[in-house]
Amino acid sequence: MTQNDRSKLARALLPEGSEPDPRFTLANERTFLAWIRTSLAFLAGGIALEAFTVGAFPGPVRTVLAFFVIGVGMLIALGAGVRWVRVERSMRTGKPLPLPAIVPLLSLGAIAGAIAALAMVLVGK
C-alpha cells in the first residue's frame, strides 16, 4: 500500500512506517475498545451517582463525587486514544511499545476514590 492509498487522517496520525501484521493492529484496537468500555462505565457511574443518590449524600458532595467520576471517565477515554496512536506508531516503526501512562494515573484515581469512600464510611458512623 502506498502513502497515497491511505486516507488523510491515516497519513496525519500515522505518517511513517509500514503496515504491521493486521493481527497486532486488531489487538491494539481491541485494547482501545476495552479502555473505552471502562470509560463509558465511569461516565454512566457518574451520571447515576448524580441522578439516583439524592438522599444518600448532601447535594454538594454528590455533585463533586459525580464530577470526579465523570472526569475519570473522560481521562480514560483521552488516554485510550493517545495510547492507541502511540502503540500503532511503535508497531509501524519497529520501536519498542511505550509504557502505558494511563495505568499509574488510574491507580492514583482508584486510591483517591478508596480514601474518599473510607472517609465517607468513617464520617457516617
N, C-alpha and C. Protein backbone atom coordinates (compact mmCIF):
# COMPACT_ATOMS: atom_id res chain seq x y z
N MET A 1 0.85 -1.17 0.00
CA MET A 1 0.00 0.00 0.00
C MET A 1 0.90 1.23 0.00
N THR A 2 0.64 2.14 -0.92
CA THR A 2 1.43 3.36 -0.98
C THR A 2 0.84 4.41 -0.05
N GLN A 3 1.61 5.45 0.19
CA GLN A 3 1.18 6.54 1.07
C GLN A 3 -0.09 7.20 0.53
N ASN A 4 -0.24 7.27 -0.80
CA ASN A 4 -1.41 7.91 -1.40
C ASN A 4 -2.67 7.07 -1.28
N ASP A 5 -2.54 5.77 -1.04
CA ASP A 5 -3.70 4.90 -0.89
C ASP A 5 -4.37 5.07 0.48
N ARG A 6 -3.68 5.67 1.40
CA ARG A 6 -4.20 5.84 2.76
C ARG A 6 -4.99 7.14 2.87
N SER A 7 -5.93 7.18 3.79
CA SER A 7 -6.74 8.39 3.98
C SER A 7 -5.88 9.51 4.56
N LYS A 8 -6.40 10.73 4.46
CA LYS A 8 -5.68 11.88 5.03
C LYS A 8 -5.50 11.72 6.53
N LEU A 9 -6.53 11.21 7.19
CA LEU A 9 -6.45 11.01 8.64
C LEU A 9 -5.36 10.00 8.98
N ALA A 10 -5.31 8.90 8.23
CA ALA A 10 -4.29 7.88 8.48
C ALA A 10 -2.90 8.45 8.24
N ARG A 11 -2.75 9.25 7.19
CA ARG A 11 -1.43 9.86 6.92
C ARG A 11 -1.05 10.86 8.00
N ALA A 12 -2.04 11.57 8.56
CA ALA A 12 -1.75 12.56 9.60
C ALA A 12 -1.39 11.89 10.93
N LEU A 13 -2.15 10.86 11.31
CA LEU A 13 -1.90 10.19 12.59
C LEU A 13 -0.72 9.23 12.54
N LEU A 14 -0.56 8.56 11.41
CA LEU A 14 0.47 7.53 11.28
C LEU A 14 1.31 7.84 10.04
N PRO A 15 2.16 8.87 10.11
CA PRO A 15 2.84 9.35 8.90
C PRO A 15 3.95 8.47 8.37
N GLU A 16 4.53 7.64 9.20
CA GLU A 16 5.70 6.88 8.74
C GLU A 16 5.58 5.42 9.12
N GLY A 17 6.46 4.63 8.55
CA GLY A 17 6.50 3.21 8.86
C GLY A 17 5.71 2.39 7.86
N SER A 18 5.69 1.09 8.13
CA SER A 18 4.99 0.16 7.24
C SER A 18 3.82 -0.48 7.98
N GLU A 19 2.91 -1.02 7.19
CA GLU A 19 1.72 -1.67 7.75
C GLU A 19 2.14 -2.85 8.62
N PRO A 20 1.71 -2.88 9.89
CA PRO A 20 2.02 -4.05 10.71
C PRO A 20 1.08 -5.21 10.38
N ASP A 21 1.38 -6.34 10.94
CA ASP A 21 0.52 -7.51 10.80
C ASP A 21 -0.88 -7.12 11.29
N PRO A 22 -1.92 -7.39 10.52
CA PRO A 22 -3.28 -7.00 10.93
C PRO A 22 -3.68 -7.55 12.30
N ARG A 23 -3.16 -8.70 12.67
CA ARG A 23 -3.50 -9.26 13.99
C ARG A 23 -3.08 -8.31 15.11
N PHE A 24 -1.92 -7.69 14.97
CA PHE A 24 -1.44 -6.79 16.01
C PHE A 24 -2.22 -5.48 16.01
N THR A 25 -2.55 -5.00 14.82
CA THR A 25 -3.37 -3.79 14.73
C THR A 25 -4.75 -4.04 15.36
N LEU A 26 -5.33 -5.19 15.07
CA LEU A 26 -6.65 -5.51 15.63
C LEU A 26 -6.57 -5.73 17.14
N ALA A 27 -5.48 -6.30 17.62
CA ALA A 27 -5.30 -6.46 19.07
C ALA A 27 -5.20 -5.09 19.74
N ASN A 28 -4.50 -4.16 19.11
CA ASN A 28 -4.40 -2.80 19.63
C ASN A 28 -5.78 -2.15 19.66
N GLU A 29 -6.57 -2.39 18.63
CA GLU A 29 -7.92 -1.83 18.58
C GLU A 29 -8.81 -2.44 19.66
N ARG A 30 -8.68 -3.74 19.90
CA ARG A 30 -9.47 -4.38 20.97
C ARG A 30 -9.11 -3.80 22.33
N THR A 31 -7.83 -3.53 22.55
CA THR A 31 -7.41 -2.92 23.81
C THR A 31 -8.00 -1.52 23.94
N PHE A 32 -7.97 -0.77 22.85
CA PHE A 32 -8.58 0.56 22.83
C PHE A 32 -10.06 0.47 23.21
N LEU A 33 -10.77 -0.46 22.60
CA LEU A 33 -12.20 -0.60 22.88
C LEU A 33 -12.46 -1.02 24.32
N ALA A 34 -11.58 -1.82 24.90
CA ALA A 34 -11.73 -2.19 26.32
C ALA A 34 -11.59 -0.95 27.20
N TRP A 35 -10.64 -0.08 26.88
CA TRP A 35 -10.49 1.16 27.64
C TRP A 35 -11.72 2.05 27.46
N ILE A 36 -12.27 2.08 26.26
CA ILE A 36 -13.47 2.89 26.01
C ILE A 36 -14.66 2.35 26.80
N ARG A 37 -14.79 1.03 26.88
CA ARG A 37 -15.87 0.44 27.70
C ARG A 37 -15.70 0.85 29.15
N THR A 38 -14.47 0.85 29.63
CA THR A 38 -14.21 1.27 31.01
C THR A 38 -14.59 2.74 31.18
N SER A 39 -14.23 3.56 30.20
CA SER A 39 -14.57 4.97 30.24
C SER A 39 -16.09 5.17 30.30
N LEU A 40 -16.81 4.45 29.46
CA LEU A 40 -18.27 4.56 29.46
C LEU A 40 -18.87 4.12 30.79
N ALA A 41 -18.28 3.12 31.42
CA ALA A 41 -18.76 2.68 32.73
C ALA A 41 -18.58 3.79 33.77
N PHE A 42 -17.45 4.48 33.72
CA PHE A 42 -17.24 5.59 34.65
C PHE A 42 -18.21 6.73 34.36
N LEU A 43 -18.43 7.04 33.09
CA LEU A 43 -19.38 8.09 32.74
C LEU A 43 -20.78 7.74 33.24
N ALA A 44 -21.20 6.51 33.00
CA ALA A 44 -22.52 6.08 33.46
C ALA A 44 -22.59 6.10 34.98
N GLY A 45 -21.51 5.69 35.63
CA GLY A 45 -21.48 5.71 37.10
C GLY A 45 -21.61 7.12 37.65
N GLY A 46 -20.94 8.07 37.02
CA GLY A 46 -21.04 9.46 37.47
C GLY A 46 -22.44 10.02 37.28
N ILE A 47 -23.05 9.70 36.16
CA ILE A 47 -24.42 10.15 35.91
C ILE A 47 -25.38 9.51 36.91
N ALA A 48 -25.21 8.21 37.14
CA ALA A 48 -26.07 7.52 38.11
C ALA A 48 -25.87 8.08 39.51
N LEU A 49 -24.64 8.39 39.86
CA LEU A 49 -24.36 8.95 41.18
C LEU A 49 -25.11 10.25 41.38
N GLU A 50 -25.12 11.09 40.37
CA GLU A 50 -25.83 12.37 40.48
C GLU A 50 -27.34 12.18 40.44
N ALA A 51 -27.82 11.25 39.64
CA ALA A 51 -29.26 11.10 39.43
C ALA A 51 -29.96 10.28 40.51
N PHE A 52 -29.30 9.25 41.03
CA PHE A 52 -30.01 8.29 41.88
C PHE A 52 -29.60 8.29 43.34
N THR A 53 -28.71 9.15 43.75
CA THR A 53 -28.28 9.14 45.16
C THR A 53 -28.67 10.43 45.86
N VAL A 54 -29.83 10.95 45.52
CA VAL A 54 -30.27 12.23 46.07
C VAL A 54 -30.32 12.20 47.59
N GLY A 55 -30.86 11.14 48.18
CA GLY A 55 -30.96 11.07 49.64
C GLY A 55 -29.72 10.55 50.32
N ALA A 56 -28.81 9.97 49.58
CA ALA A 56 -27.64 9.34 50.19
C ALA A 56 -26.54 10.33 50.57
N PHE A 57 -26.36 11.36 49.77
CA PHE A 57 -25.29 12.34 50.02
C PHE A 57 -25.87 13.75 49.97
N PRO A 58 -25.28 14.67 50.70
CA PRO A 58 -25.68 16.07 50.54
C PRO A 58 -25.39 16.53 49.11
N GLY A 59 -26.16 17.49 48.62
CA GLY A 59 -26.06 17.96 47.25
C GLY A 59 -24.65 18.29 46.77
N PRO A 60 -23.91 19.14 47.49
CA PRO A 60 -22.57 19.50 47.01
C PRO A 60 -21.61 18.30 46.98
N VAL A 61 -21.70 17.42 47.96
CA VAL A 61 -20.83 16.24 47.99
C VAL A 61 -21.14 15.33 46.81
N ARG A 62 -22.43 15.12 46.56
CA ARG A 62 -22.87 14.27 45.45
C ARG A 62 -22.38 14.84 44.12
N THR A 63 -22.49 16.14 43.96
CA THR A 63 -22.07 16.78 42.71
C THR A 63 -20.56 16.65 42.51
N VAL A 64 -19.79 16.87 43.56
CA VAL A 64 -18.33 16.74 43.45
C VAL A 64 -17.94 15.30 43.13
N LEU A 65 -18.57 14.34 43.79
CA LEU A 65 -18.26 12.93 43.51
C LEU A 65 -18.62 12.57 42.07
N ALA A 66 -19.80 12.99 41.63
CA ALA A 66 -20.22 12.70 40.25
C ALA A 66 -19.27 13.35 39.26
N PHE A 67 -18.87 14.59 39.52
CA PHE A 67 -17.94 15.30 38.65
C PHE A 67 -16.61 14.56 38.58
N PHE A 68 -16.13 14.08 39.74
CA PHE A 68 -14.86 13.34 39.79
C PHE A 68 -14.95 12.05 38.97
N VAL A 69 -16.02 11.29 39.15
CA VAL A 69 -16.17 10.02 38.44
C VAL A 69 -16.30 10.25 36.93
N ILE A 70 -17.07 11.25 36.54
CA ILE A 70 -17.19 11.57 35.11
C ILE A 70 -15.85 12.05 34.56
N GLY A 71 -15.12 12.83 35.34
CA GLY A 71 -13.80 13.29 34.92
C GLY A 71 -12.83 12.14 34.70
N VAL A 72 -12.87 11.15 35.59
CA VAL A 72 -12.02 9.97 35.41
C VAL A 72 -12.39 9.26 34.11
N GLY A 73 -13.68 9.14 33.83
CA GLY A 73 -14.12 8.53 32.58
C GLY A 73 -13.61 9.28 31.36
N MET A 74 -13.62 10.60 31.44
CA MET A 74 -13.11 11.40 30.32
C MET A 74 -11.60 11.21 30.15
N LEU A 75 -10.87 11.16 31.26
CA LEU A 75 -9.42 10.94 31.19
C LEU A 75 -9.10 9.56 30.61
N ILE A 76 -9.89 8.56 30.98
CA ILE A 76 -9.66 7.22 30.43
C ILE A 76 -9.88 7.22 28.92
N ALA A 77 -10.93 7.89 28.46
CA ALA A 77 -11.19 7.95 27.01
C ALA A 77 -10.06 8.67 26.29
N LEU A 78 -9.60 9.78 26.84
CA LEU A 78 -8.48 10.51 26.24
C LEU A 78 -7.22 9.65 26.22
N GLY A 79 -6.93 9.01 27.36
CA GLY A 79 -5.76 8.15 27.44
C GLY A 79 -5.83 6.97 26.49
N ALA A 80 -7.03 6.44 26.27
CA ALA A 80 -7.18 5.32 25.35
C ALA A 80 -6.81 5.72 23.93
N GLY A 81 -7.26 6.89 23.52
CA GLY A 81 -6.94 7.36 22.17
C GLY A 81 -5.46 7.63 22.00
N VAL A 82 -4.86 8.28 22.98
CA VAL A 82 -3.42 8.56 22.92
C VAL A 82 -2.63 7.26 22.91
N ARG A 83 -3.02 6.32 23.75
CA ARG A 83 -2.32 5.04 23.82
C ARG A 83 -2.43 4.29 22.49
N TRP A 84 -3.61 4.28 21.88
CA TRP A 84 -3.78 3.58 20.61
C TRP A 84 -2.82 4.14 19.56
N VAL A 85 -2.75 5.47 19.45
CA VAL A 85 -1.87 6.09 18.45
C VAL A 85 -0.41 5.77 18.75
N ARG A 86 -0.01 5.86 20.02
CA ARG A 86 1.40 5.60 20.37
C ARG A 86 1.79 4.16 20.06
N VAL A 87 0.92 3.21 20.38
CA VAL A 87 1.22 1.80 20.11
C VAL A 87 1.25 1.54 18.61
N GLU A 88 0.29 2.10 17.89
CA GLU A 88 0.24 1.91 16.44
C GLU A 88 1.50 2.47 15.78
N ARG A 89 1.93 3.64 16.20
CA ARG A 89 3.17 4.22 15.64
C ARG A 89 4.37 3.35 15.97
N SER A 90 4.43 2.83 17.19
CA SER A 90 5.55 1.96 17.57
C SER A 90 5.58 0.70 16.72
N MET A 91 4.42 0.10 16.50
CA MET A 91 4.38 -1.11 15.68
C MET A 91 4.79 -0.82 14.24
N ARG A 92 4.39 0.32 13.71
CA ARG A 92 4.70 0.67 12.33
C ARG A 92 6.18 0.99 12.12
N THR A 93 6.83 1.51 13.14
CA THR A 93 8.24 1.90 13.00
C THR A 93 9.19 0.87 13.60
N GLY A 94 8.66 -0.19 14.20
CA GLY A 94 9.51 -1.23 14.77
C GLY A 94 10.18 -0.84 16.08
N LYS A 95 9.65 0.18 16.74
CA LYS A 95 10.20 0.62 18.03
C LYS A 95 9.53 -0.15 19.16
N PRO A 96 10.16 -0.15 20.36
CA PRO A 96 9.52 -0.82 21.50
C PRO A 96 8.18 -0.16 21.84
N LEU A 97 7.27 -0.96 22.36
CA LEU A 97 5.97 -0.42 22.75
C LEU A 97 6.14 0.53 23.93
N PRO A 98 5.40 1.64 23.93
CA PRO A 98 5.53 2.61 25.02
C PRO A 98 4.85 2.10 26.29
N LEU A 99 5.34 2.59 27.41
CA LEU A 99 4.69 2.26 28.68
C LEU A 99 3.34 2.97 28.74
N PRO A 100 2.34 2.33 29.33
CA PRO A 100 1.02 2.96 29.42
C PRO A 100 0.99 4.00 30.54
N ALA A 101 1.00 5.27 30.20
CA ALA A 101 0.98 6.34 31.19
C ALA A 101 -0.35 6.39 31.94
N ILE A 102 -1.40 5.84 31.35
CA ILE A 102 -2.72 5.91 31.96
C ILE A 102 -2.84 4.99 33.18
N VAL A 103 -2.05 3.93 33.22
CA VAL A 103 -2.17 2.97 34.32
C VAL A 103 -1.81 3.59 35.67
N PRO A 104 -0.68 4.29 35.82
CA PRO A 104 -0.41 4.93 37.11
C PRO A 104 -1.46 5.98 37.47
N LEU A 105 -1.96 6.71 36.47
CA LEU A 105 -3.00 7.70 36.75
C LEU A 105 -4.27 7.04 37.27
N LEU A 106 -4.64 5.93 36.66
CA LEU A 106 -5.83 5.21 37.14
C LEU A 106 -5.61 4.65 38.53
N SER A 107 -4.41 4.19 38.80
CA SER A 107 -4.11 3.68 40.14
C SER A 107 -4.26 4.79 41.17
N LEU A 108 -3.73 5.97 40.87
CA LEU A 108 -3.89 7.10 41.79
C LEU A 108 -5.36 7.48 41.95
N GLY A 109 -6.11 7.44 40.85
CA GLY A 109 -7.54 7.73 40.93
C GLY A 109 -8.28 6.72 41.79
N ALA A 110 -7.92 5.44 41.66
CA ALA A 110 -8.56 4.40 42.47
C ALA A 110 -8.21 4.57 43.94
N ILE A 111 -6.97 4.92 44.22
CA ILE A 111 -6.56 5.16 45.61
C ILE A 111 -7.31 6.35 46.19
N ALA A 112 -7.42 7.44 45.42
CA ALA A 112 -8.16 8.61 45.89
C ALA A 112 -9.63 8.27 46.13
N GLY A 113 -10.22 7.49 45.23
CA GLY A 113 -11.61 7.07 45.41
C GLY A 113 -11.79 6.20 46.64
N ALA A 114 -10.84 5.30 46.87
CA ALA A 114 -10.92 4.43 48.06
C ALA A 114 -10.79 5.25 49.34
N ILE A 115 -9.89 6.22 49.34
CA ILE A 115 -9.73 7.08 50.52
C ILE A 115 -11.00 7.89 50.76
N ALA A 116 -11.59 8.42 49.69
CA ALA A 116 -12.84 9.17 49.83
C ALA A 116 -13.96 8.29 50.35
N ALA A 117 -14.06 7.06 49.84
CA ALA A 117 -15.10 6.14 50.31
C ALA A 117 -14.88 5.78 51.78
N LEU A 118 -13.63 5.54 52.15
CA LEU A 118 -13.32 5.23 53.55
C LEU A 118 -13.67 6.41 54.45
N ALA A 119 -13.36 7.62 54.01
CA ALA A 119 -13.69 8.80 54.80
C ALA A 119 -15.20 8.95 54.96
N MET A 120 -15.95 8.68 53.90
CA MET A 120 -17.41 8.78 54.00
C MET A 120 -17.98 7.74 54.95
N VAL A 121 -17.40 6.54 54.94
CA VAL A 121 -17.85 5.49 55.85
C VAL A 121 -17.56 5.89 57.29
N LEU A 122 -16.36 6.40 57.53
CA LEU A 122 -15.98 6.78 58.89
C LEU A 122 -16.78 7.98 59.38
N VAL A 123 -17.04 8.95 58.53
CA VAL A 123 -17.81 10.12 58.92
C VAL A 123 -19.27 9.74 59.15
N GLY A 124 -19.77 8.78 58.40
CA GLY A 124 -21.16 8.36 58.51
C GLY A 124 -21.48 7.61 59.79
N LYS A 125 -20.46 7.11 60.49
CA LYS A 125 -20.71 6.34 61.73
C LYS A 125 -20.86 7.23 62.92
